[in-house]
mmCIF file of all heavy atoms, coordinates in Angstrom:
data_MODEL
# 
_entry.id   MODEL 
# 
loop_
_atom_site.group_PDB 
_atom_site.id 
_atom_site.type_symbol 
_atom_site.label_atom_id 
_atom_site.label_alt_id 
_atom_site.label_comp_id 
_atom_site.label_asym_id 
_atom_site.label_entity_id 
_atom_site.label_seq_id 
_atom_site.pdbx_PDB_ins_code 
_atom_site.Cartn_x 
_atom_site.Cartn_y 
_atom_site.Cartn_z 
_atom_site.occupancy 
_atom_site.B_iso_or_equiv 
_atom_site.pdbx_formal_charge 
_atom_site.auth_seq_id 
_atom_site.auth_comp_id 
_atom_site.auth_asym_id 
_atom_site.auth_atom_id 
_atom_site.pdbx_PDB_model_num 
ATOM 1   N N   . GLU A 1 1  ? -73.354 170.824 -146.905 1.00 0.00 ? 1  GLU A N   1 
ATOM 2   C CA  . GLU A 1 1  ? -72.823 169.643 -147.668 1.00 0.00 ? 1  GLU A CA  1 
ATOM 3   C C   . GLU A 1 1  ? -73.891 168.609 -147.864 1.00 0.00 ? 1  GLU A C   1 
ATOM 4   O O   . GLU A 1 1  ? -74.617 168.231 -146.917 1.00 0.00 ? 1  GLU A O   1 
ATOM 5   C CB  . GLU A 1 1  ? -71.665 169.032 -146.940 1.00 0.00 ? 1  GLU A CB  1 
ATOM 6   C CG  . GLU A 1 1  ? -70.973 167.908 -147.701 1.00 0.00 ? 1  GLU A CG  1 
ATOM 7   C CD  . GLU A 1 1  ? -69.744 167.335 -146.963 1.00 0.00 ? 1  GLU A CD  1 
ATOM 8   O OE1 . GLU A 1 1  ? -69.964 166.540 -146.041 1.00 0.00 ? 1  GLU A OE1 1 
ATOM 9   O OE2 . GLU A 1 1  ? -68.602 167.685 -147.343 1.00 0.00 ? 1  GLU A OE2 1 
ATOM 10  N N   . SER A 1 2  ? -74.058 168.140 -149.060 1.00 0.00 ? 2  SER A N   1 
ATOM 11  C CA  . SER A 1 2  ? -74.990 167.070 -149.398 1.00 0.00 ? 2  SER A CA  1 
ATOM 12  C C   . SER A 1 2  ? -74.518 166.494 -150.694 1.00 0.00 ? 2  SER A C   1 
ATOM 13  O O   . SER A 1 2  ? -73.635 167.072 -151.436 1.00 0.00 ? 2  SER A O   1 
ATOM 14  C CB  . SER A 1 2  ? -76.429 167.586 -149.563 1.00 0.00 ? 2  SER A CB  1 
ATOM 15  O OG  . SER A 1 2  ? -76.530 168.454 -150.665 1.00 0.00 ? 2  SER A OG  1 
ATOM 16  N N   . PHE A 1 3  ? -75.001 165.300 -151.065 1.00 0.00 ? 3  PHE A N   1 
ATOM 17  C CA  . PHE A 1 3  ? -74.579 164.692 -152.331 1.00 0.00 ? 3  PHE A CA  1 
ATOM 18  C C   . PHE A 1 3  ? -74.992 165.621 -153.481 1.00 0.00 ? 3  PHE A C   1 
ATOM 19  O O   . PHE A 1 3  ? -74.231 165.707 -154.495 1.00 0.00 ? 3  PHE A O   1 
ATOM 20  C CB  . PHE A 1 3  ? -75.216 163.333 -152.496 1.00 0.00 ? 3  PHE A CB  1 
ATOM 21  C CG  . PHE A 1 3  ? -74.477 162.235 -151.798 1.00 0.00 ? 3  PHE A CG  1 
ATOM 22  C CD1 . PHE A 1 3  ? -75.063 161.506 -150.793 1.00 0.00 ? 3  PHE A CD1 1 
ATOM 23  C CD2 . PHE A 1 3  ? -73.190 161.921 -152.164 1.00 0.00 ? 3  PHE A CD2 1 
ATOM 24  C CE1 . PHE A 1 3  ? -74.390 160.480 -150.127 1.00 0.00 ? 3  PHE A CE1 1 
ATOM 25  C CE2 . PHE A 1 3  ? -72.463 160.930 -151.489 1.00 0.00 ? 3  PHE A CE2 1 
ATOM 26  C CZ  . PHE A 1 3  ? -73.091 160.197 -150.484 1.00 0.00 ? 3  PHE A CZ  1 
ATOM 27  N N   . SER A 1 4  ? -76.137 166.210 -153.428 1.00 0.00 ? 4  SER A N   1 
ATOM 28  C CA  . SER A 1 4  ? -76.569 167.095 -154.559 1.00 0.00 ? 4  SER A CA  1 
ATOM 29  C C   . SER A 1 4  ? -75.641 168.278 -154.686 1.00 0.00 ? 4  SER A C   1 
ATOM 30  O O   . SER A 1 4  ? -75.304 168.683 -155.811 1.00 0.00 ? 4  SER A O   1 
ATOM 31  C CB  . SER A 1 4  ? -78.028 167.545 -154.312 1.00 0.00 ? 4  SER A CB  1 
ATOM 32  O OG  . SER A 1 4  ? -78.132 168.320 -153.114 1.00 0.00 ? 4  SER A OG  1 
ATOM 33  N N   . ARG A 1 5  ? -75.214 168.909 -153.612 1.00 0.00 ? 5  ARG A N   1 
ATOM 34  C CA  . ARG A 1 5  ? -74.327 170.070 -153.703 1.00 0.00 ? 5  ARG A CA  1 
ATOM 35  C C   . ARG A 1 5  ? -72.948 169.652 -154.190 1.00 0.00 ? 5  ARG A C   1 
ATOM 36  O O   . ARG A 1 5  ? -72.308 170.363 -155.006 1.00 0.00 ? 5  ARG A O   1 
ATOM 37  C CB  . ARG A 1 5  ? -74.233 170.770 -152.286 1.00 0.00 ? 5  ARG A CB  1 
ATOM 38  C CG  . ARG A 1 5  ? -75.512 171.527 -151.968 1.00 0.00 ? 5  ARG A CG  1 
ATOM 39  C CD  . ARG A 1 5  ? -75.513 172.058 -150.533 1.00 0.00 ? 5  ARG A CD  1 
ATOM 40  N NE  . ARG A 1 5  ? -76.718 172.805 -150.287 1.00 0.00 ? 5  ARG A NE  1 
ATOM 41  C CZ  . ARG A 1 5  ? -76.824 174.121 -150.240 1.00 0.00 ? 5  ARG A CZ  1 
ATOM 42  N NH1 . ARG A 1 5  ? -75.800 174.886 -150.500 1.00 0.00 ? 5  ARG A NH1 1 
ATOM 43  N NH2 . ARG A 1 5  ? -77.979 174.682 -149.992 1.00 0.00 ? 5  ARG A NH2 1 
ATOM 44  N N   . LEU A 1 6  ? -72.439 168.497 -153.724 1.00 0.00 ? 6  LEU A N   1 
ATOM 45  C CA  . LEU A 1 6  ? -71.153 168.004 -154.202 1.00 0.00 ? 6  LEU A CA  1 
ATOM 46  C C   . LEU A 1 6  ? -71.270 167.722 -155.675 1.00 0.00 ? 6  LEU A C   1 
ATOM 47  O O   . LEU A 1 6  ? -70.348 168.027 -156.442 1.00 0.00 ? 6  LEU A O   1 
ATOM 48  C CB  . LEU A 1 6  ? -70.745 166.790 -153.401 1.00 0.00 ? 6  LEU A CB  1 
ATOM 49  C CG  . LEU A 1 6  ? -70.350 167.035 -151.923 1.00 0.00 ? 6  LEU A CG  1 
ATOM 50  C CD1 . LEU A 1 6  ? -70.191 165.696 -151.191 1.00 0.00 ? 6  LEU A CD1 1 
ATOM 51  C CD2 . LEU A 1 6  ? -69.080 167.839 -151.862 1.00 0.00 ? 6  LEU A CD2 1 
ATOM 52  N N   . ALA A 1 7  ? -72.351 167.101 -156.095 1.00 0.00 ? 7  ALA A N   1 
ATOM 53  C CA  . ALA A 1 7  ? -72.544 166.730 -157.511 1.00 0.00 ? 7  ALA A CA  1 
ATOM 54  C C   . ALA A 1 7  ? -72.583 167.979 -158.409 1.00 0.00 ? 7  ALA A C   1 
ATOM 55  O O   . ALA A 1 7  ? -72.004 168.050 -159.470 1.00 0.00 ? 7  ALA A O   1 
ATOM 56  C CB  . ALA A 1 7  ? -73.800 165.887 -157.675 1.00 0.00 ? 7  ALA A CB  1 
ATOM 57  N N   . LEU A 1 8  ? -73.317 168.999 -157.949 1.00 0.00 ? 8  LEU A N   1 
ATOM 58  C CA  . LEU A 1 8  ? -73.436 170.249 -158.767 1.00 0.00 ? 8  LEU A CA  1 
ATOM 59  C C   . LEU A 1 8  ? -72.096 170.930 -158.906 1.00 0.00 ? 8  LEU A C   1 
ATOM 60  O O   . LEU A 1 8  ? -71.720 171.395 -159.958 1.00 0.00 ? 8  LEU A O   1 
ATOM 61  C CB  . LEU A 1 8  ? -74.457 171.207 -158.153 1.00 0.00 ? 8  LEU A CB  1 
ATOM 62  C CG  . LEU A 1 8  ? -74.742 172.419 -158.976 1.00 0.00 ? 8  LEU A CG  1 
ATOM 63  C CD1 . LEU A 1 8  ? -75.133 172.091 -160.397 1.00 0.00 ? 8  LEU A CD1 1 
ATOM 64  C CD2 . LEU A 1 8  ? -75.836 173.307 -158.287 1.00 0.00 ? 8  LEU A CD2 1 
ATOM 65  N N   . GLU A 1 9  ? -71.308 170.977 -157.787 1.00 0.00 ? 9  GLU A N   1 
ATOM 66  C CA  . GLU A 1 9  ? -69.965 171.562 -157.941 1.00 0.00 ? 9  GLU A CA  1 
ATOM 67  C C   . GLU A 1 9  ? -69.103 170.770 -158.866 1.00 0.00 ? 9  GLU A C   1 
ATOM 68  O O   . GLU A 1 9  ? -68.313 171.342 -159.632 1.00 0.00 ? 9  GLU A O   1 
ATOM 69  C CB  . GLU A 1 9  ? -69.312 171.697 -156.567 1.00 0.00 ? 9  GLU A CB  1 
ATOM 70  C CG  . GLU A 1 9  ? -68.002 172.469 -156.594 1.00 0.00 ? 9  GLU A CG  1 
ATOM 71  C CD  . GLU A 1 9  ? -67.348 172.673 -155.255 1.00 0.00 ? 9  GLU A CD  1 
ATOM 72  O OE1 . GLU A 1 9  ? -67.972 172.374 -154.216 1.00 0.00 ? 9  GLU A OE1 1 
ATOM 73  O OE2 . GLU A 1 9  ? -66.194 173.119 -155.216 1.00 0.00 ? 9  GLU A OE2 1 
ATOM 74  N N   . PHE A 1 10 ? -69.228 169.451 -158.805 1.00 0.00 ? 10 PHE A N   1 
ATOM 75  C CA  . PHE A 1 10 ? -68.477 168.605 -159.720 1.00 0.00 ? 10 PHE A CA  1 
ATOM 76  C C   . PHE A 1 10 ? -68.854 168.832 -161.164 1.00 0.00 ? 10 PHE A C   1 
ATOM 77  O O   . PHE A 1 10 ? -68.003 168.827 -162.056 1.00 0.00 ? 10 PHE A O   1 
ATOM 78  C CB  . PHE A 1 10 ? -68.669 167.121 -159.323 1.00 0.00 ? 10 PHE A CB  1 
ATOM 79  C CG  . PHE A 1 10 ? -67.691 166.163 -159.920 1.00 0.00 ? 10 PHE A CG  1 
ATOM 80  C CD1 . PHE A 1 10 ? -66.478 165.935 -159.373 1.00 0.00 ? 10 PHE A CD1 1 
ATOM 81  C CD2 . PHE A 1 10 ? -68.004 165.455 -161.112 1.00 0.00 ? 10 PHE A CD2 1 
ATOM 82  C CE1 . PHE A 1 10 ? -65.555 165.070 -159.929 1.00 0.00 ? 10 PHE A CE1 1 
ATOM 83  C CE2 . PHE A 1 10 ? -67.144 164.601 -161.688 1.00 0.00 ? 10 PHE A CE2 1 
ATOM 84  C CZ  . PHE A 1 10 ? -65.913 164.388 -161.103 1.00 0.00 ? 10 PHE A CZ  1 
ATOM 85  N N   . VAL A 1 11 ? -70.146 169.021 -161.415 1.00 0.00 ? 11 VAL A N   1 
ATOM 86  C CA  . VAL A 1 11 ? -70.602 169.377 -162.722 1.00 0.00 ? 11 VAL A CA  1 
ATOM 87  C C   . VAL A 1 11 ? -69.930 170.639 -163.228 1.00 0.00 ? 11 VAL A C   1 
ATOM 88  O O   . VAL A 1 11 ? -69.490 170.718 -164.367 1.00 0.00 ? 11 VAL A O   1 
ATOM 89  C CB  . VAL A 1 11 ? -72.157 169.550 -162.753 1.00 0.00 ? 11 VAL A CB  1 
ATOM 90  C CG1 . VAL A 1 11 ? -72.629 170.285 -163.995 1.00 0.00 ? 11 VAL A CG1 1 
ATOM 91  C CG2 . VAL A 1 11 ? -72.887 168.226 -162.624 1.00 0.00 ? 11 VAL A CG2 1 
ATOM 92  N N   . ILE A 1 12 ? -69.892 171.667 -162.345 1.00 0.00 ? 12 ILE A N   1 
ATOM 93  C CA  . ILE A 1 12 ? -69.304 172.941 -162.730 1.00 0.00 ? 12 ILE A CA  1 
ATOM 94  C C   . ILE A 1 12 ? -67.812 172.763 -163.065 1.00 0.00 ? 12 ILE A C   1 
ATOM 95  O O   . ILE A 1 12 ? -67.345 173.260 -164.085 1.00 0.00 ? 12 ILE A O   1 
ATOM 96  C CB  . ILE A 1 12 ? -69.465 173.973 -161.627 1.00 0.00 ? 12 ILE A CB  1 
ATOM 97  C CG1 . ILE A 1 12 ? -70.987 174.249 -161.378 1.00 0.00 ? 12 ILE A CG1 1 
ATOM 98  C CG2 . ILE A 1 12 ? -68.721 175.281 -161.912 1.00 0.00 ? 12 ILE A CG2 1 
ATOM 99  C CD1 . ILE A 1 12 ? -71.261 175.058 -160.127 1.00 0.00 ? 12 ILE A CD1 1 
ATOM 100 N N   . LEU A 1 13 ? -67.082 172.082 -162.229 1.00 0.00 ? 13 LEU A N   1 
ATOM 101 C CA  . LEU A 1 13 ? -65.601 171.997 -162.382 1.00 0.00 ? 13 LEU A CA  1 
ATOM 102 C C   . LEU A 1 13 ? -65.218 171.115 -163.532 1.00 0.00 ? 13 LEU A C   1 
ATOM 103 O O   . LEU A 1 13 ? -64.116 171.279 -164.097 1.00 0.00 ? 13 LEU A O   1 
ATOM 104 C CB  . LEU A 1 13 ? -65.028 171.459 -161.060 1.00 0.00 ? 13 LEU A CB  1 
ATOM 105 C CG  . LEU A 1 13 ? -65.136 172.358 -159.845 1.00 0.00 ? 13 LEU A CG  1 
ATOM 106 C CD1 . LEU A 1 13 ? -64.626 171.652 -158.629 1.00 0.00 ? 13 LEU A CD1 1 
ATOM 107 C CD2 . LEU A 1 13 ? -64.445 173.669 -160.055 1.00 0.00 ? 13 LEU A CD2 1 
ATOM 108 N N   . THR A 1 14 ? -66.035 170.158 -163.921 1.00 0.00 ? 14 THR A N   1 
ATOM 109 C CA  . THR A 1 14 ? -65.668 169.257 -165.041 1.00 0.00 ? 14 THR A CA  1 
ATOM 110 C C   . THR A 1 14 ? -66.363 169.618 -166.339 1.00 0.00 ? 14 THR A C   1 
ATOM 111 O O   . THR A 1 14 ? -66.059 169.048 -167.353 1.00 0.00 ? 14 THR A O   1 
ATOM 112 C CB  . THR A 1 14 ? -66.071 167.789 -164.675 1.00 0.00 ? 14 THR A CB  1 
ATOM 113 O OG1 . THR A 1 14 ? -67.487 167.737 -164.447 1.00 0.00 ? 14 THR A OG1 1 
ATOM 114 C CG2 . THR A 1 14 ? -65.320 167.333 -163.459 1.00 0.00 ? 14 THR A CG2 1 
ATOM 115 N N   . ALA A 1 15 ? -67.283 170.606 -166.287 1.00 0.00 ? 15 ALA A N   1 
ATOM 116 C CA  . ALA A 1 15 ? -68.106 170.917 -167.479 1.00 0.00 ? 15 ALA A CA  1 
ATOM 117 C C   . ALA A 1 15 ? -68.796 169.708 -168.017 1.00 0.00 ? 15 ALA A C   1 
ATOM 118 O O   . ALA A 1 15 ? -69.011 169.583 -169.231 1.00 0.00 ? 15 ALA A O   1 
ATOM 119 C CB  . ALA A 1 15 ? -67.269 171.599 -168.556 1.00 0.00 ? 15 ALA A CB  1 
ATOM 120 N N   . GLY A 1 16 ? -69.166 168.814 -167.116 1.00 0.00 ? 16 GLY A N   1 
ATOM 121 C CA  . GLY A 1 16 ? -69.798 167.538 -167.549 1.00 0.00 ? 16 GLY A CA  1 
ATOM 122 C C   . GLY A 1 16 ? -71.342 167.725 -167.636 1.00 0.00 ? 16 GLY A C   1 
ATOM 123 O O   . GLY A 1 16 ? -71.940 168.674 -167.140 1.00 0.00 ? 16 GLY A O   1 
ATOM 124 N N   . ARG A 1 17 ? -71.956 166.737 -168.260 1.00 0.00 ? 17 ARG A N   1 
ATOM 125 C CA  . ARG A 1 17 ? -73.406 166.691 -168.332 1.00 0.00 ? 17 ARG A CA  1 
ATOM 126 C C   . ARG A 1 17 ? -73.935 166.141 -167.002 1.00 0.00 ? 17 ARG A C   1 
ATOM 127 O O   . ARG A 1 17 ? -73.302 165.266 -166.376 1.00 0.00 ? 17 ARG A O   1 
ATOM 128 C CB  . ARG A 1 17 ? -73.888 165.836 -169.473 1.00 0.00 ? 17 ARG A CB  1 
ATOM 129 C CG  . ARG A 1 17 ? -73.521 166.358 -170.847 1.00 0.00 ? 17 ARG A CG  1 
ATOM 130 C CD  . ARG A 1 17 ? -74.116 165.502 -171.959 1.00 0.00 ? 17 ARG A CD  1 
ATOM 131 N NE  . ARG A 1 17 ? -73.807 166.032 -173.300 1.00 0.00 ? 17 ARG A NE  1 
ATOM 132 C CZ  . ARG A 1 17 ? -72.707 165.750 -174.006 1.00 0.00 ? 17 ARG A CZ  1 
ATOM 133 N NH1 . ARG A 1 17 ? -71.801 164.902 -173.505 1.00 0.00 ? 17 ARG A NH1 1 
ATOM 134 N NH2 . ARG A 1 17 ? -72.490 166.268 -175.188 1.00 0.00 ? 17 ARG A NH2 1 
ATOM 135 N N   . SER A 1 18 ? -75.091 166.608 -166.604 1.00 0.00 ? 18 SER A N   1 
ATOM 136 C CA  . SER A 1 18 ? -75.659 166.206 -165.330 1.00 0.00 ? 18 SER A CA  1 
ATOM 137 C C   . SER A 1 18 ? -75.799 164.692 -165.234 1.00 0.00 ? 18 SER A C   1 
ATOM 138 O O   . SER A 1 18 ? -75.431 164.069 -164.229 1.00 0.00 ? 18 SER A O   1 
ATOM 139 C CB  . SER A 1 18 ? -77.004 166.865 -165.146 1.00 0.00 ? 18 SER A CB  1 
ATOM 140 O OG  . SER A 1 18 ? -77.738 166.302 -164.128 1.00 0.00 ? 18 SER A OG  1 
ATOM 141 N N   . GLY A 1 19 ? -76.321 164.053 -166.277 1.00 0.00 ? 19 GLY A N   1 
ATOM 142 C CA  . GLY A 1 19 ? -76.527 162.623 -166.285 1.00 0.00 ? 19 GLY A CA  1 
ATOM 143 C C   . GLY A 1 19 ? -75.253 161.828 -166.119 1.00 0.00 ? 19 GLY A C   1 
ATOM 144 O O   . GLY A 1 19 ? -75.209 160.794 -165.465 1.00 0.00 ? 19 GLY A O   1 
ATOM 145 N N   . GLU A 1 20 ? -74.182 162.312 -166.792 1.00 0.00 ? 20 GLU A N   1 
ATOM 146 C CA  . GLU A 1 20 ? -72.890 161.620 -166.685 1.00 0.00 ? 20 GLU A CA  1 
ATOM 147 C C   . GLU A 1 20 ? -72.333 161.687 -165.270 1.00 0.00 ? 20 GLU A C   1 
ATOM 148 O O   . GLU A 1 20 ? -71.781 160.723 -164.758 1.00 0.00 ? 20 GLU A O   1 
ATOM 149 C CB  . GLU A 1 20 ? -71.911 162.279 -167.673 1.00 0.00 ? 20 GLU A CB  1 
ATOM 150 C CG  . GLU A 1 20 ? -72.291 162.111 -169.123 1.00 0.00 ? 20 GLU A CG  1 
ATOM 151 C CD  . GLU A 1 20 ? -71.643 163.128 -170.033 1.00 0.00 ? 20 GLU A CD  1 
ATOM 152 O OE1 . GLU A 1 20 ? -70.734 163.849 -169.598 1.00 0.00 ? 20 GLU A OE1 1 
ATOM 153 O OE2 . GLU A 1 20 ? -72.048 163.193 -171.221 1.00 0.00 ? 20 GLU A OE2 1 
ATOM 154 N N   . VAL A 1 21 ? -72.540 162.832 -164.607 1.00 0.00 ? 21 VAL A N   1 
ATOM 155 C CA  . VAL A 1 21 ? -72.043 162.996 -163.244 1.00 0.00 ? 21 VAL A CA  1 
ATOM 156 C C   . VAL A 1 21 ? -72.890 162.203 -162.248 1.00 0.00 ? 21 VAL A C   1 
ATOM 157 O O   . VAL A 1 21 ? -72.357 161.493 -161.407 1.00 0.00 ? 21 VAL A O   1 
ATOM 158 C CB  . VAL A 1 21 ? -72.029 164.519 -162.856 1.00 0.00 ? 21 VAL A CB  1 
ATOM 159 C CG1 . VAL A 1 21 ? -71.745 164.689 -161.364 1.00 0.00 ? 21 VAL A CG1 1 
ATOM 160 C CG2 . VAL A 1 21 ? -70.990 165.271 -163.687 1.00 0.00 ? 21 VAL A CG2 1 
ATOM 161 N N   . ARG A 1 22 ? -74.218 162.281 -162.395 1.00 0.00 ? 22 ARG A N   1 
ATOM 162 C CA  . ARG A 1 22 ? -75.059 161.616 -161.449 1.00 0.00 ? 22 ARG A CA  1 
ATOM 163 C C   . ARG A 1 22 ? -74.894 160.081 -161.512 1.00 0.00 ? 22 ARG A C   1 
ATOM 164 O O   . ARG A 1 22 ? -75.099 159.360 -160.540 1.00 0.00 ? 22 ARG A O   1 
ATOM 165 C CB  . ARG A 1 22 ? -76.532 161.991 -161.714 1.00 0.00 ? 22 ARG A CB  1 
ATOM 166 C CG  . ARG A 1 22 ? -76.867 163.407 -161.324 1.00 0.00 ? 22 ARG A CG  1 
ATOM 167 C CD  . ARG A 1 22 ? -78.325 163.732 -161.534 1.00 0.00 ? 22 ARG A CD  1 
ATOM 168 N NE  . ARG A 1 22 ? -78.724 163.790 -162.928 1.00 0.00 ? 22 ARG A NE  1 
ATOM 169 C CZ  . ARG A 1 22 ? -79.394 162.831 -163.540 1.00 0.00 ? 22 ARG A CZ  1 
ATOM 170 N NH1 . ARG A 1 22 ? -79.764 161.760 -162.852 1.00 0.00 ? 22 ARG A NH1 1 
ATOM 171 N NH2 . ARG A 1 22 ? -79.716 162.945 -164.827 1.00 0.00 ? 22 ARG A NH2 1 
ATOM 172 N N   . GLY A 1 23 ? -74.551 159.566 -162.692 1.00 0.00 ? 23 GLY A N   1 
ATOM 173 C CA  . GLY A 1 23 ? -74.380 158.119 -162.864 1.00 0.00 ? 23 GLY A CA  1 
ATOM 174 C C   . GLY A 1 23 ? -72.968 157.627 -162.588 1.00 0.00 ? 23 GLY A C   1 
ATOM 175 O O   . GLY A 1 23 ? -72.701 156.447 -162.775 1.00 0.00 ? 23 GLY A O   1 
ATOM 176 N N   . ALA A 1 24 ? -72.063 158.501 -162.202 1.00 0.00 ? 24 ALA A N   1 
ATOM 177 C CA  . ALA A 1 24 ? -70.651 158.133 -162.069 1.00 0.00 ? 24 ALA A CA  1 
ATOM 178 C C   . ALA A 1 24 ? -70.490 157.071 -160.939 1.00 0.00 ? 24 ALA A C   1 
ATOM 179 O O   . ALA A 1 24 ? -71.099 157.165 -159.860 1.00 0.00 ? 24 ALA A O   1 
ATOM 180 C CB  . ALA A 1 24 ? -69.819 159.379 -161.730 1.00 0.00 ? 24 ALA A CB  1 
ATOM 181 N N   . THR A 1 25 ? -69.585 156.091 -161.189 1.00 0.00 ? 25 THR A N   1 
ATOM 182 C CA  . THR A 1 25 ? -69.305 155.100 -160.182 1.00 0.00 ? 25 THR A CA  1 
ATOM 183 C C   . THR A 1 25 ? -67.815 155.208 -159.830 1.00 0.00 ? 25 THR A C   1 
ATOM 184 O O   . THR A 1 25 ? -67.008 155.722 -160.613 1.00 0.00 ? 25 THR A O   1 
ATOM 185 C CB  . THR A 1 25 ? -69.589 153.695 -160.719 1.00 0.00 ? 25 THR A CB  1 
ATOM 186 O OG1 . THR A 1 25 ? -68.899 153.476 -161.954 1.00 0.00 ? 25 THR A OG1 1 
ATOM 187 C CG2 . THR A 1 25 ? -71.091 153.499 -160.943 1.00 0.00 ? 25 THR A CG2 1 
ATOM 188 N N   . PHE A 1 26 ? -67.442 154.714 -158.650 1.00 0.00 ? 26 PHE A N   1 
ATOM 189 C CA  . PHE A 1 26 ? -66.080 154.883 -158.156 1.00 0.00 ? 26 PHE A CA  1 
ATOM 190 C C   . PHE A 1 26 ? -65.034 154.243 -159.071 1.00 0.00 ? 26 PHE A C   1 
ATOM 191 O O   . PHE A 1 26 ? -63.915 154.739 -159.150 1.00 0.00 ? 26 PHE A O   1 
ATOM 192 C CB  . PHE A 1 26 ? -65.968 154.319 -156.711 1.00 0.00 ? 26 PHE A CB  1 
ATOM 193 C CG  . PHE A 1 26 ? -66.707 155.159 -155.713 1.00 0.00 ? 26 PHE A CG  1 
ATOM 194 C CD1 . PHE A 1 26 ? -67.868 154.686 -155.143 1.00 0.00 ? 26 PHE A CD1 1 
ATOM 195 C CD2 . PHE A 1 26 ? -66.210 156.403 -155.336 1.00 0.00 ? 26 PHE A CD2 1 
ATOM 196 C CE1 . PHE A 1 26 ? -68.518 155.488 -154.181 1.00 0.00 ? 26 PHE A CE1 1 
ATOM 197 C CE2 . PHE A 1 26 ? -66.850 157.176 -154.353 1.00 0.00 ? 26 PHE A CE2 1 
ATOM 198 C CZ  . PHE A 1 26 ? -68.053 156.717 -153.806 1.00 0.00 ? 26 PHE A CZ  1 
ATOM 199 N N   . ASP A 1 27 ? -65.390 153.119 -159.758 1.00 0.00 ? 27 ASP A N   1 
ATOM 200 C CA  . ASP A 1 27 ? -64.420 152.448 -160.572 1.00 0.00 ? 27 ASP A CA  1 
ATOM 201 C C   . ASP A 1 27 ? -64.032 153.275 -161.830 1.00 0.00 ? 27 ASP A C   1 
ATOM 202 O O   . ASP A 1 27 ? -63.136 152.845 -162.563 1.00 0.00 ? 27 ASP A O   1 
ATOM 203 C CB  . ASP A 1 27 ? -64.886 151.060 -160.922 1.00 0.00 ? 27 ASP A CB  1 
ATOM 204 C CG  . ASP A 1 27 ? -66.172 151.020 -161.677 1.00 0.00 ? 27 ASP A CG  1 
ATOM 205 O OD1 . ASP A 1 27 ? -66.753 152.121 -161.954 1.00 0.00 ? 27 ASP A OD1 1 
ATOM 206 O OD2 . ASP A 1 27 ? -66.620 149.939 -162.052 1.00 0.00 ? 27 ASP A OD2 1 
ATOM 207 N N   . GLU A 1 28 ? -64.732 154.343 -162.113 1.00 0.00 ? 28 GLU A N   1 
ATOM 208 C CA  . GLU A 1 28 ? -64.406 155.159 -163.290 1.00 0.00 ? 28 GLU A CA  1 
ATOM 209 C C   . GLU A 1 28 ? -63.294 156.127 -163.006 1.00 0.00 ? 28 GLU A C   1 
ATOM 210 O O   . GLU A 1 28 ? -62.797 156.796 -163.950 1.00 0.00 ? 28 GLU A O   1 
ATOM 211 C CB  . GLU A 1 28 ? -65.698 155.928 -163.751 1.00 0.00 ? 28 GLU A CB  1 
ATOM 212 C CG  . GLU A 1 28 ? -66.827 155.017 -164.227 1.00 0.00 ? 28 GLU A CG  1 
ATOM 213 C CD  . GLU A 1 28 ? -68.074 155.787 -164.521 1.00 0.00 ? 28 GLU A CD  1 
ATOM 214 O OE1 . GLU A 1 28 ? -68.106 157.062 -164.364 1.00 0.00 ? 28 GLU A OE1 1 
ATOM 215 O OE2 . GLU A 1 28 ? -69.072 155.172 -164.977 1.00 0.00 ? 28 GLU A OE2 1 
# 
Protein backbone atom coordinates (compact mmCIF):
# COMPACT_ATOMS: atom_id res chain seq x y z
CA GLU A 1 0.00 0.00 0.00
CA SER A 2 1.24 3.46 -0.98
CA PHE A 3 -0.27 6.62 -2.36
CA SER A 4 1.05 5.74 -5.82
CA ARG A 5 -0.55 2.27 -5.77
CA LEU A 6 -3.85 3.63 -4.50
CA ALA A 7 -3.76 6.35 -7.15
CA LEU A 8 -3.06 3.89 -9.97
CA GLU A 9 -5.93 1.62 -8.91
CA PHE A 10 -8.18 4.69 -8.74
CA VAL A 11 -7.08 5.61 -12.29
CA ILE A 12 -8.06 2.13 -13.46
CA LEU A 13 -11.46 2.07 -11.74
CA THR A 14 -12.50 5.57 -12.87
CA ALA A 15 -10.91 5.50 -16.36
CA GLY A 16 -9.57 8.92 -15.42
CA ARG A 17 -6.53 10.75 -16.68
CA SER A 18 -3.46 10.52 -14.48
CA GLY A 19 -3.24 14.28 -13.98
CA GLU A 20 -6.87 14.55 -12.94
CA VAL A 21 -6.42 11.81 -10.35
CA ARG A 22 -3.07 13.03 -8.99
CA GLY A 23 -4.46 16.54 -8.52
CA ALA A 24 -7.70 15.45 -6.83
CA THR A 25 -8.61 17.17 -3.55
CA PHE A 26 -10.96 15.90 -0.85
CA ASP A 27 -13.53 18.66 -1.44
CA GLU A 28 -14.19 17.29 -4.94
